[in-house]
Protein backbone atom coordinates (compact mmCIF):
# COMPACT_ATOMS: atom_id res chain seq x y z
CA MET A 1 234.65 -44.43 265.26
CA PRO A 2 231.85 -41.42 265.21
CA LEU A 3 228.80 -43.41 265.80
CA GLU A 4 226.89 -41.41 263.12
CA ASN A 5 229.57 -43.28 260.65
CA VAL A 6 228.53 -46.75 261.75
CA THR A 7 227.22 -48.79 258.98
CA ILE A 8 224.55 -51.38 260.26
CA ILE A 9 224.83 -55.00 258.42
CA ASP A 10 221.38 -56.40 259.05
CA THR A 11 221.45 -60.44 259.31
CA THR A 12 217.77 -61.09 259.95
CA LEU A 13 217.49 -63.24 256.85
CA ARG A 14 220.81 -65.03 258.05
CA GLU A 15 221.15 -65.06 261.79
CA GLY A 16 217.48 -64.59 262.38
CA GLU A 17 216.88 -67.52 260.40
CA GLN A 18 218.88 -69.53 262.74
CA PHE A 19 216.32 -68.42 265.38
CA ALA A 20 214.77 -71.50 267.08
CA ARG A 21 211.37 -70.47 266.16
CA ALA A 22 212.09 -68.93 262.99
CA ASP A 23 211.08 -70.64 259.53
CA PHE A 24 210.87 -67.68 257.09
CA SER A 25 209.07 -68.56 253.53
CA SER A 26 210.67 -67.38 250.51
CA ASP A 27 208.02 -64.64 250.46
CA ALA A 28 208.49 -63.70 253.91
CA LYS A 29 212.35 -63.19 253.65
CA LEU A 30 211.42 -61.00 250.65
CA GLU A 31 208.98 -58.97 252.15
CA LEU A 32 211.28 -58.29 254.93
CA ALA A 33 214.25 -57.26 252.60
CA HIS A 34 211.89 -54.59 251.27
CA ALA A 35 210.77 -53.22 254.64
CA LEU A 36 214.56 -53.31 256.01
CA SER A 37 215.51 -51.21 252.76
CA GLU A 38 212.48 -49.00 253.19
CA PHE A 39 213.61 -48.47 256.98
CA GLY A 40 217.20 -47.49 255.56
CA ILE A 41 219.28 -50.16 256.07
CA THR A 42 221.91 -50.46 252.85
CA PHE A 43 223.77 -53.64 253.81
CA LEU A 44 221.47 -57.10 254.38
CA GLU A 45 223.13 -60.37 255.09
CA VAL A 46 221.30 -63.61 253.81
CA THR A 47 222.13 -67.22 254.53
CA SER A 48 224.61 -69.07 252.23
CA PRO A 49 223.19 -69.83 249.20
CA ALA A 50 225.08 -73.35 249.51
CA ALA A 51 223.21 -74.37 252.77
CA SER A 52 220.17 -75.43 250.34
CA PRO A 53 218.69 -75.11 246.91
CA ARG A 54 215.86 -72.93 248.80
CA SER A 55 218.62 -70.92 250.01
CA ARG A 56 220.07 -70.38 246.83
CA ASP A 57 216.90 -69.43 245.02
CA ASP A 58 216.12 -67.18 248.41
CA ALA A 59 219.42 -65.37 247.61
CA ALA A 60 218.82 -64.70 243.80
CA ARG A 61 215.63 -63.53 244.27
CA ILE A 62 216.43 -60.90 246.97
CA ALA A 63 219.82 -59.93 244.94
CA GLY A 64 217.54 -59.52 241.73
CA ALA A 65 215.00 -57.52 243.43
CA ASN A 66 216.38 -54.23 242.58
CA LEU A 67 216.38 -53.05 246.38
CA PRO A 68 219.11 -50.14 247.16
CA VAL A 69 221.06 -52.56 249.37
CA THR A 70 223.95 -54.95 249.14
CA VAL A 71 223.13 -58.37 249.70
CA ALA A 72 225.77 -60.37 251.43
CA ALA A 73 226.08 -64.16 251.44
CA HIS A 74 227.05 -65.66 254.51
CA ILE A 75 229.73 -68.76 253.57
CA ARG A 76 232.72 -70.86 254.59
CA CYS A 77 236.25 -70.48 253.05
CA HIS A 78 235.15 -73.03 250.80
CA ARG A 79 235.39 -72.71 246.87
CA ASP A 80 232.06 -74.18 246.35
CA ASP A 81 230.27 -72.01 248.43
CA VAL A 82 232.01 -69.03 246.55
CA ASP A 83 230.98 -70.23 243.64
CA ILE A 84 227.35 -71.03 244.40
CA ALA A 85 227.01 -67.64 246.18
CA LEU A 86 228.66 -65.36 243.21
CA ASP A 87 226.29 -67.40 240.83
CA SER A 88 223.28 -66.24 243.01
CA GLY A 89 224.18 -62.63 241.98
CA VAL A 90 225.14 -61.33 245.65
CA GLY A 91 227.20 -58.38 245.74
CA ALA A 92 229.41 -59.40 248.74
CA LEU A 93 230.69 -62.54 250.39
CA ASN A 94 230.89 -62.75 254.13
CA MET A 95 233.47 -65.45 254.66
CA VAL A 96 233.90 -66.99 258.27
CA MET A 97 236.27 -69.51 259.78
CA ALA A 98 236.38 -71.00 263.50
CA ILE A 99 239.78 -69.19 265.13
CA SER A 100 239.33 -70.00 269.03
CA PRO A 101 241.51 -73.22 270.20
CA ILE A 102 238.11 -74.95 271.08
CA LEU A 103 236.46 -74.11 268.02
CA ARG A 104 238.91 -74.93 265.79
CA ARG A 105 239.28 -78.40 267.52
CA ALA A 106 235.63 -78.82 267.51
CA SER A 107 235.27 -77.67 263.52
CA HIS A 108 237.75 -77.66 260.85
CA GLY A 109 240.67 -78.79 262.86
CA GLN A 110 243.08 -76.47 261.39
CA ALA A 111 246.44 -74.62 263.33
CA ILE A 112 246.50 -70.74 262.79
CA PRO A 113 248.73 -71.08 259.91
CA GLU A 114 246.68 -73.25 258.00
CA VAL A 115 243.58 -70.58 259.10
CA VAL A 116 245.47 -67.94 257.39
CA ARG A 117 246.43 -70.19 254.22
CA THR A 118 243.05 -71.27 254.17
CA ALA A 119 241.38 -67.74 253.99
CA ALA A 120 244.18 -66.13 251.70
CA GLU A 121 243.82 -68.98 249.01
CA ILE A 122 239.90 -68.38 249.04
CA GLY A 123 240.16 -64.57 248.99
CA GLU A 124 242.78 -64.80 246.13
CA TYR A 125 239.92 -67.36 244.14
CA VAL A 126 237.39 -64.47 244.92
CA ARG A 127 239.43 -61.72 243.58
CA LYS A 128 240.15 -63.68 240.43
CA ARG A 129 236.75 -64.59 239.73
CA ALA A 130 234.98 -61.38 241.03
CA PRO A 131 237.63 -58.48 241.70
CA ASP A 132 234.57 -56.02 242.28
CA VAL A 133 232.91 -58.16 245.05
CA ILE A 134 232.91 -56.74 248.74
CA LEU A 135 234.68 -59.41 250.48
CA ARG A 136 234.90 -59.96 254.33
CA PHE A 137 236.79 -62.55 256.55
CA SER A 138 235.53 -62.99 259.80
CA SER A 139 236.73 -65.21 262.83
CA GLU A 140 234.19 -66.98 264.66
CA ASP A 141 234.70 -67.07 268.71
CA ALA A 142 237.12 -64.48 268.36
CA PHE A 143 236.81 -63.11 272.05
CA ARG A 144 237.75 -66.59 273.50
CA CYS A 145 241.28 -66.80 270.97
CA PRO A 146 244.21 -65.48 272.71
CA LEU A 147 245.44 -62.09 271.32
CA ASN A 148 248.67 -63.67 269.58
CA ASP A 149 246.55 -66.19 267.60
CA LEU A 150 244.35 -63.36 266.59
CA LEU A 151 246.39 -61.35 265.55
CA ASN A 152 248.69 -63.95 263.79
CA VAL A 153 245.24 -64.23 261.62
CA TYR A 154 244.44 -60.78 260.81
CA LEU A 155 248.10 -59.15 260.41
CA PRO A 156 248.74 -61.43 257.65
CA LEU A 157 245.69 -61.23 256.20
CA SER A 158 245.37 -57.48 256.20
CA GLU A 159 248.97 -57.32 254.45
CA LEU A 160 247.36 -59.15 251.36
CA LYS A 161 244.97 -56.34 250.43
CA LEU A 162 242.41 -59.19 249.83
CA PHE A 163 239.52 -58.31 252.24
CA ASP A 164 237.69 -55.03 252.39
CA ARG A 165 236.39 -56.01 256.21
CA LEU A 166 237.82 -57.86 258.91
CA GLY A 167 234.99 -59.53 261.35
CA ILE A 168 235.45 -60.08 264.61
CA ALA A 169 232.52 -62.02 266.39
CA ASP A 170 231.54 -62.95 269.75
CA THR A 171 230.18 -65.96 268.67
CA THR A 172 229.53 -67.47 272.48
CA GLY A 173 227.99 -63.70 273.70
CA ALA A 174 230.64 -64.05 276.60
CA ALA A 175 232.59 -61.06 275.94
CA THR A 176 232.43 -57.55 278.18
CA PRO A 177 232.26 -54.19 276.70
CA ASP A 178 235.70 -53.88 278.35
CA ARG A 179 236.90 -57.13 276.36
CA VAL A 180 235.27 -55.98 272.89
CA SER A 181 237.02 -52.63 273.11
CA GLU A 182 240.34 -53.71 273.77
CA VAL A 183 240.23 -56.66 270.95
CA VAL A 184 238.28 -54.04 268.46
CA GLY A 185 240.67 -51.34 268.92
CA LEU A 186 243.85 -53.38 268.75
CA VAL A 187 242.64 -54.87 265.47
CA SER A 188 241.55 -51.87 264.04
CA ARG A 189 244.68 -49.96 264.61
CA LEU A 190 247.16 -52.64 263.77
CA THR A 191 245.75 -53.71 260.80
CA GLY A 192 244.35 -50.51 259.29
CA THR A 193 241.28 -52.54 257.86
CA PRO A 194 237.80 -51.45 258.20
CA VAL A 195 236.19 -53.80 261.03
CA GLU A 196 232.89 -55.36 261.52
CA PHE A 197 231.82 -56.77 264.88
CA HIS A 198 228.97 -59.55 265.61
CA GLY A 199 228.16 -59.80 269.22
CA HIS A 200 225.84 -62.42 270.72
CA ASN A 201 223.42 -61.83 273.70
CA ASP A 202 224.05 -64.94 275.74
CA ILE A 203 224.95 -62.88 278.80
CA GLY A 204 223.04 -60.15 278.02
CA CYS A 205 225.89 -57.61 276.71
CA ALA A 206 225.02 -57.50 273.08
CA ILE A 207 224.02 -53.88 272.98
CA ALA A 208 226.68 -52.65 275.12
CA ASN A 209 229.36 -54.66 273.35
CA ALA A 210 228.02 -53.40 269.62
CA HIS A 211 228.63 -49.67 271.27
CA ALA A 212 231.71 -50.44 272.79
CA ALA A 213 233.20 -51.83 269.28
CA ALA A 214 231.75 -48.76 267.35
CA MET A 215 233.66 -46.55 269.90
CA ALA A 216 236.62 -48.74 269.54
CA GLY A 217 236.91 -48.48 265.65
CA ALA A 218 234.00 -50.65 264.18
CA GLY A 219 232.64 -49.21 261.48
CA TYR A 220 230.11 -52.12 260.64
CA ILE A 221 227.55 -53.63 263.25
CA ASN A 222 225.66 -56.71 262.60
CA THR A 223 221.99 -56.67 264.13
CA THR A 224 218.42 -58.62 263.42
CA VAL A 225 215.18 -57.40 264.13
CA LEU A 226 214.22 -58.30 267.64
CA GLY A 227 218.06 -59.69 268.23
CA ILE A 228 216.59 -63.27 267.21
CA GLY A 229 219.55 -65.73 266.24
CA GLU A 230 221.12 -68.84 267.65
CA ARG A 231 220.46 -69.07 271.50
CA ASN A 232 219.60 -65.84 272.73
CA GLY A 233 220.41 -63.90 269.57
CA ILE A 234 222.66 -60.96 268.76
CA THR A 235 222.46 -57.37 269.00
CA SER A 236 219.14 -55.92 268.23
CA LEU A 237 218.31 -53.58 265.35
CA GLU A 238 215.82 -51.55 267.68
CA GLY A 239 218.57 -51.68 270.07
CA LEU A 240 221.40 -50.25 268.10
CA ILE A 241 219.06 -47.63 266.61
CA ALA A 242 218.14 -46.60 270.22
CA VAL A 243 221.96 -46.11 270.81
CA LEU A 244 222.49 -44.03 267.69
CA TYR A 245 219.85 -41.90 268.56
CA ALA A 246 220.50 -41.19 272.25
CA ALA A 247 223.90 -39.87 270.58
CA ASP A 248 222.73 -37.79 268.01
CA PRO A 249 218.94 -38.07 267.28
CA GLU A 250 219.07 -35.68 264.19
CA THR A 251 221.60 -37.60 262.34
CA THR A 252 219.40 -40.82 263.11
CA ARG A 253 216.54 -39.32 261.89
CA SER A 254 217.83 -38.36 258.57
CA ARG A 255 219.27 -42.06 258.13
CA PHE A 256 216.48 -44.07 259.11
CA ASP A 257 212.76 -43.77 258.53
CA LEU A 258 212.19 -44.43 262.38
CA PRO A 259 208.06 -44.28 262.50
CA THR A 260 208.51 -47.75 260.30
CA LEU A 261 210.32 -49.58 263.26
CA PRO A 262 207.35 -50.48 265.31
CA ALA A 263 205.74 -52.23 262.59
CA LEU A 264 208.78 -54.26 261.22
CA CYS A 265 209.53 -55.56 264.76
CA HIS A 266 205.92 -56.62 265.48
CA ARG A 267 206.17 -58.21 261.45
CA VAL A 268 209.30 -60.09 262.53
CA ALA A 269 207.49 -61.10 265.71
CA ALA A 270 204.55 -62.28 264.12
CA LEU A 271 206.45 -64.36 261.56
CA ALA A 272 208.76 -66.06 263.71
CA GLY A 273 205.90 -66.77 266.34
CA VAL A 274 206.88 -64.96 269.33
CA GLU A 275 205.56 -61.86 271.08
CA VAL A 276 207.45 -58.67 271.21
CA PRO A 277 209.29 -58.64 274.63
CA PHE A 278 207.16 -56.15 277.16
CA ASN A 279 210.67 -54.44 277.77
CA ASP A 280 212.08 -54.41 274.33
CA VAL A 281 214.39 -51.32 273.53
CA LEU A 282 211.95 -48.49 271.90
CA VAL A 283 209.16 -51.10 270.48
CA GLY A 284 208.12 -53.11 273.77
CA GLU A 285 204.64 -52.30 275.52
CA THR A 286 206.29 -50.64 278.24
CA ALA A 287 209.03 -48.75 276.38
CA PHE A 288 207.38 -45.57 277.24
CA SER A 289 205.33 -46.02 280.36
CA HIS A 290 205.40 -44.07 283.35
CA LYS A 291 203.69 -44.85 286.53
CA ALA A 292 205.57 -43.45 289.75
CA GLY A 293 204.03 -40.10 291.03
CA LEU A 294 207.32 -38.27 291.01
CA HIS A 295 208.02 -39.47 287.46
CA THR A 296 204.73 -38.52 286.02
CA LYS A 297 204.96 -34.98 287.42
CA ALA A 298 208.04 -34.42 286.07
CA VAL A 299 206.98 -35.91 282.57
CA TYR A 300 204.25 -33.78 282.36
CA ASN A 301 206.32 -30.58 282.81
CA ASP A 302 209.18 -31.99 280.38
CA PRO A 303 209.24 -35.58 278.87
CA ARG A 304 212.82 -35.40 278.62
CA ALA A 305 213.16 -35.63 282.26
CA TYR A 306 212.87 -39.41 282.53
CA GLU A 307 213.16 -39.97 278.70
CA ALA A 308 216.24 -40.44 276.52
CA LEU A 309 214.16 -41.12 273.56
CA ASP A 310 211.14 -39.00 271.93
CA PRO A 311 208.52 -41.76 271.17
CA ALA A 312 206.97 -39.46 268.58
CA ASP A 313 210.04 -39.84 266.63
CA PHE A 314 209.16 -43.46 266.34
CA GLY A 315 205.73 -43.17 265.58
CA LEU A 316 204.64 -43.89 269.34
CA ASP A 317 202.85 -42.48 272.30
CA ARG A 318 203.85 -42.28 275.94
CA GLN A 319 201.78 -44.02 278.48
CA ILE A 320 201.15 -42.48 281.85
CA SER A 321 199.35 -44.72 284.44
CA ILE A 322 197.59 -42.84 287.35
CA GLY A 323 194.89 -45.45 288.38
CA HIS A 324 197.08 -47.12 291.28
CA ARG A 325 198.55 -46.50 294.87
CA LEU A 326 201.48 -44.63 293.68
CA THR A 327 199.91 -41.88 291.88
CA GLY A 328 200.45 -38.47 292.29
CA TRP A 329 198.16 -35.36 292.35
CA ASN A 330 199.74 -33.85 289.50
CA ALA A 331 198.73 -36.74 287.12
CA ILE A 332 195.14 -36.46 288.72
CA ARG A 333 195.26 -32.85 288.01
CA VAL A 334 196.13 -33.49 284.31
CA ARG A 335 193.53 -36.16 283.89
CA SER A 336 190.74 -33.84 285.71
CA GLU A 337 191.60 -30.87 283.08
CA ALA A 338 190.83 -33.55 280.22
CA LEU A 339 187.93 -34.41 281.61
CA GLY A 340 186.88 -30.50 281.62
CA TYR A 341 187.34 -30.04 285.38
CA SER A 342 189.28 -27.39 286.90
CA LEU A 343 189.53 -28.86 290.88
CA PRO A 344 191.20 -26.79 293.49
CA LEU A 345 194.26 -28.10 295.15
CA ALA A 346 192.34 -29.46 298.11
CA VAL A 347 189.99 -31.18 296.08
CA LEU A 348 192.97 -32.79 293.84
CA LYS A 349 194.76 -34.00 296.93
CA ALA A 350 191.57 -35.56 298.40
CA VAL A 351 190.68 -37.37 295.16
CA THR A 352 194.40 -38.36 294.90
CA ARG A 353 194.07 -39.96 298.39
CA ARG A 354 190.87 -41.77 297.21
CA VAL A 355 192.67 -43.29 294.21
CA LYS A 356 195.93 -44.45 296.34
CA GLU A 357 193.25 -45.91 298.85
CA ALA A 358 191.42 -47.82 296.22
CA GLY A 359 194.64 -48.73 294.35
CA ASP A 360 195.98 -50.77 297.56
CA GLY A 361 193.49 -53.23 296.30
CA GLY A 362 194.85 -53.45 292.98
CA ASP A 363 195.19 -51.28 290.01
CA LEU A 364 192.26 -49.24 288.49
CA SER A 365 190.62 -48.72 285.47
CA ILE A 366 190.76 -45.35 283.82
CA GLU A 367 187.02 -45.09 284.14
CA THR A 368 187.19 -45.90 287.69
CA VAL A 369 189.41 -42.88 288.20
CA ASP A 370 187.54 -40.85 285.99
CA ALA A 371 184.31 -41.43 288.30
CA LEU A 372 186.34 -40.87 291.41
CA ILE A 373 187.11 -37.45 289.77
CA ALA A 374 183.56 -36.75 288.58
CA ASP A 375 182.30 -37.52 292.30
CA ALA A 376 184.82 -35.32 293.74
CA ALA A 377 183.77 -32.41 291.59
CA ARG A 378 179.94 -33.13 292.43
CA GLU A 379 180.68 -32.87 295.87
CA GLY A 380 182.68 -29.63 295.57
CA GLY A 381 179.80 -28.34 293.48
CA LEU A 382 181.83 -28.16 290.42
CA ALA A 383 180.85 -29.19 287.10
CA ALA A 384 182.85 -29.71 283.90
CA GLY A 385 184.35 -26.88 282.46
CA ASN A 386 184.80 -24.97 286.02
């Protein structure tokens, strides 16, 4: 599946609500739905309207907001869940059912043939009641499920032509990219049905797994802003956007309003009561920071030397740190020129030695570096502009 054809199904309003510290108000959910839509997301997943009265009201409010998005309710394979979700006005139903041996024993207790029968019965019920609604069936814990069991669910369900998509979920976040590629590729090829991937981040592979899923044929990827969700969360929206951008910047710029992404991430962090991680993809504090002298020289000459992503496309600036023992004379030269000095190479190197020596005691403020540059200029009889 070419990356430019991948559809993002953002589930910040469902999976994100399951994050340990998240308790989004109804107004906050609607605000985020607007922000995600404005960014360019066209498919939003919300908590099952059957979960609680407020969940039902929130789903109806978002579905009735006239946003240019498809709102999908995440539901169990139960008729009651279907009825309540459809009555809320959503345009899609994302049905889910446990499929791995351990999860089947711990939840519904059904054997594989019963899983197929249950999913088929509910799928037929949905088609009779709402023939035009988008319908997905997804297996929980697919990657700890024997392949034979997995195919014995997906193959008969795909033959019924009830489902628009088949979901494959790494519910425990323990899969690796090679396993994801194998399973997604197999299901995609054998069923001929569009595949949706949902990957948790328990071992830190969520973004890589999403990429592997897309390359193996998954046309739909689940994300949340900042990757928030159960435990360590899932594939982050900003992480997947970075993957898409690195592969095809022009198409990604045309599909999404990239400069709005940092504010969206910081807003979700505030609503969830957490800080944006310093090393978060794209929007973390140090995402575009450079420090080592070797790096800064190349970045001054051509930022692409050490950047796969252009911060300007996301409304961000790169940061080049010079007040430390790792600095190089090219960094000092650029700062000197910004202050109006044109220092000879020998003076530049002398200032650089002073900065390095002072930096051995700890990083220096930019004001301290500027003072060292000014002192060197005076000692050399050079005024600003010379």
